[in-house]
Amino acid sequence: MARVCQITGKRPRVGNNVSHANNKTKRKFYPNLQTKRFFIPEEDKWITLKVSTSALRTINKNGISAVLNKARKAGNVLI
């Protein structure tokens, strides 16, 4: 499961490199992923997730438990 956010499901996107001469070659835009450990007090355990930085901001705002519950309902959680 490389380069996929385990909360939001973000994955690499495909686009073009465009040169000054307007030549186009394929390239990938990778999400900004960070490996981070989170403590879940309800389960009294630590989990390690590979999350995008936008997901980290959401976790800091709403809390890990709320974000995990919402992601599980949406079917995005890859853990």
C-alpha atoms as a PDB file:
ATOM      1  CA  MET A   1       0.000   0.000   0.000  1.00  0.00           C
ATOM      2  CA  ALA A   2       2.629   2.510  -0.987  1.00  0.00           C
ATOM      3  CA  ARG A   3       1.802   6.178  -1.449  1.00  0.00           C
ATOM      4  CA  VAL A   4      -1.863   5.991  -0.425  1.00  0.00           C
ATOM      5  CA  CYS A   5      -3.275   7.937   2.517  1.00  0.00           C
ATOM      6  CA  GLN A   6      -4.940   5.537   4.930  1.00  0.00           C
ATOM      7  CA  ILE A   7      -7.509   8.136   6.042  1.00  0.00           C
ATOM      8  CA  THR A   8      -8.499  10.092   2.946  1.00  0.00           C
ATOM      9  CA  GLY A   9      -7.562   7.545   0.276  1.00  0.00           C
ATOM     10  CA  LYS A  10      -5.462  10.077  -1.626  1.00  0.00           C
ATOM     11  CA  ARG A  11      -3.213   8.410  -4.192  1.00  0.00           C
ATOM     12  CA  PRO A  12      -0.858   9.557  -6.965  1.00  0.00           C
ATOM     13  CA  ARG A  13      -2.409  11.552  -9.798  1.00  0.00           C
ATOM     14  CA  VAL A  14      -1.171  11.506 -13.390  1.00  0.00           C
ATOM     15  CA  GLY A  15      -0.325  14.582 -15.405  1.00  0.00           C
ATOM     16  CA  ASN A  16       2.158  15.982 -17.894  1.00  0.00           C
ATOM     17  CA  ASN A  17       5.539  17.642 -17.693  1.00  0.00           C
ATOM     18  CA  VAL A  18       5.355  20.472 -20.204  1.00  0.00           C
ATOM     19  CA  SER A  19       8.653  21.798 -21.541  1.00  0.00           C
ATOM     20  CA  HIS A  20       9.356  25.269 -22.870  1.00  0.00           C
ATOM     21  CA  ALA A  21       8.982  23.794 -26.378  1.00  0.00           C
ATOM     22  CA  ASN A  22       5.547  22.457 -25.290  1.00  0.00           C
ATOM     23  CA  ASN A  23       6.681  18.813 -25.342  1.00  0.00           C
ATOM     24  CA  LYS A  24       4.563  16.726 -23.007  1.00  0.00           C
ATOM     25  CA  THR A  25       5.780  13.699 -21.070  1.00  0.00           C
ATOM     26  CA  LYS A  26       3.860  11.768 -18.444  1.00  0.00           C
ATOM     27  CA  ARG A  27       4.588  12.340 -14.757  1.00  0.00           C
ATOM     28  CA  LYS A  28       2.990  11.638 -11.375  1.00  0.00           C
ATOM     29  CA  PHE A  29       1.896  14.011  -8.646  1.00  0.00           C
ATOM     30  CA  TYR A  30       2.413  12.241  -5.325  1.00  0.00           C
ATOM     31  CA  PRO A  31       0.450  13.124  -2.176  1.00  0.00           C
ATOM     32  CA  ASN A  32       2.438  14.515   0.738  1.00  0.00           C
ATOM     33  CA  LEU A  33       2.383  11.452   3.006  1.00  0.00           C
ATOM     34  CA  GLN A  34       3.816  11.192   6.507  1.00  0.00           C
ATOM     35  CA  THR A  35       4.133   8.106   8.710  1.00  0.00           C
ATOM     36  CA  LYS A  36       2.701   8.974  12.112  1.00  0.00           C
ATOM     37  CA  ARG A  37       1.839   7.125  15.321  1.00  0.00           C
ATOM     38  CA  PHE A  38      -1.460   7.918  17.035  1.00  0.00           C
ATOM     39  CA  PHE A  39      -2.713   6.888  20.462  1.00  0.00           C
ATOM     40  CA  ILE A  40      -6.347   5.786  20.581  1.00  0.00           C
ATOM     41  CA  PRO A  41      -7.539   6.170  24.189  1.00  0.00           C
ATOM     42  CA  GLU A  42     -10.760   4.170  23.671  1.00  0.00           C
ATOM     43  CA  GLU A  43      -8.785   1.100  22.625  1.00  0.00           C
ATOM     44  CA  ASP A  44      -5.753   1.993  24.808  1.00  0.00           C
ATOM     45  CA  LYS A  45      -3.276   1.318  22.015  1.00  0.00           C
ATOM     46  CA  TRP A  46      -0.984   2.993  19.490  1.00  0.00           C
ATOM     47  CA  ILE A  47      -1.475   2.680  15.740  1.00  0.00           C
ATOM     48  CA  THR A  48       0.839   3.725  12.925  1.00  0.00           C
ATOM     49  CA  LEU A  49      -0.778   5.332   9.897  1.00  0.00           C
ATOM     50  CA  LYS A  50       0.533   6.706   6.632  1.00  0.00           C
ATOM     51  CA  VAL A  51      -1.495   9.907   6.315  1.00  0.00           C
ATOM     52  CA  SER A  52      -1.477  12.969   4.086  1.00  0.00           C
ATOM     53  CA  THR A  53      -0.715  16.323   5.648  1.00  0.00           C
ATOM     54  CA  SER A  54      -4.286  17.454   5.027  1.00  0.00           C
ATOM     55  CA  ALA A  55      -5.491  14.417   6.998  1.00  0.00           C
ATOM     56  CA  LEU A  56      -3.072  15.358   9.815  1.00  0.00           C
ATOM     57  CA  ARG A  57      -4.673  18.796  10.006  1.00  0.00           C
ATOM     58  CA  THR A  58      -8.121  17.200  10.174  1.00  0.00           C
ATOM     59  CA  ILE A  59      -6.960  14.837  12.936  1.00  0.00           C
ATOM     60  CA  ASN A  60      -5.506  17.767  14.908  1.00  0.00           C
ATOM     61  CA  LYS A  61      -8.801  19.641  14.564  1.00  0.00           C
ATOM     62  CA  ASN A  62     -11.350  16.855  15.192  1.00  0.00           C
ATOM     63  CA  GLY A  63      -9.398  14.132  17.024  1.00  0.00           C
ATOM     64  CA  ILE A  64      -8.211  10.722  15.865  1.00  0.00           C
ATOM     65  CA  SER A  65     -11.289   8.818  17.051  1.00  0.00           C
ATOM     66  CA  ALA A  66     -13.763  11.030  15.193  1.00  0.00           C
ATOM     67  CA  VAL A  67     -11.690  10.977  12.005  1.00  0.00           C
ATOM     68  CA  LEU A  68     -11.294   7.175  12.104  1.00  0.00           C
ATOM     69  CA  ASN A  69     -15.031   6.677  12.631  1.00  0.00           C
ATOM     70  CA  LYS A  70     -15.891   8.987   9.733  1.00  0.00           C
ATOM     71  CA  ALA A  71     -13.325   7.321   7.443  1.00  0.00           C
ATOM     72  CA  ARG A  72     -14.631   3.849   8.321  1.00  0.00           C
ATOM     73  CA  LYS A  73     -18.168   4.900   7.396  1.00  0.00           C
ATOM     74  CA  ALA A  74     -16.919   6.334   4.092  1.00  0.00           C
ATOM     75  CA  GLY A  75     -14.946   3.156   3.402  1.00  0.00           C
ATOM     76  CA  ASN A  76     -11.599   4.939   3.032  1.00  0.00           C
ATOM     77  CA  VAL A  77      -9.716   3.373   5.930  1.00  0.00           C
ATOM     78  CA  LEU A  78      -7.057   0.972   4.739  1.00  0.00           C
ATOM     79  CA  ILE A  79      -6.170  -0.348   8.208  1.00  0.00           C
END
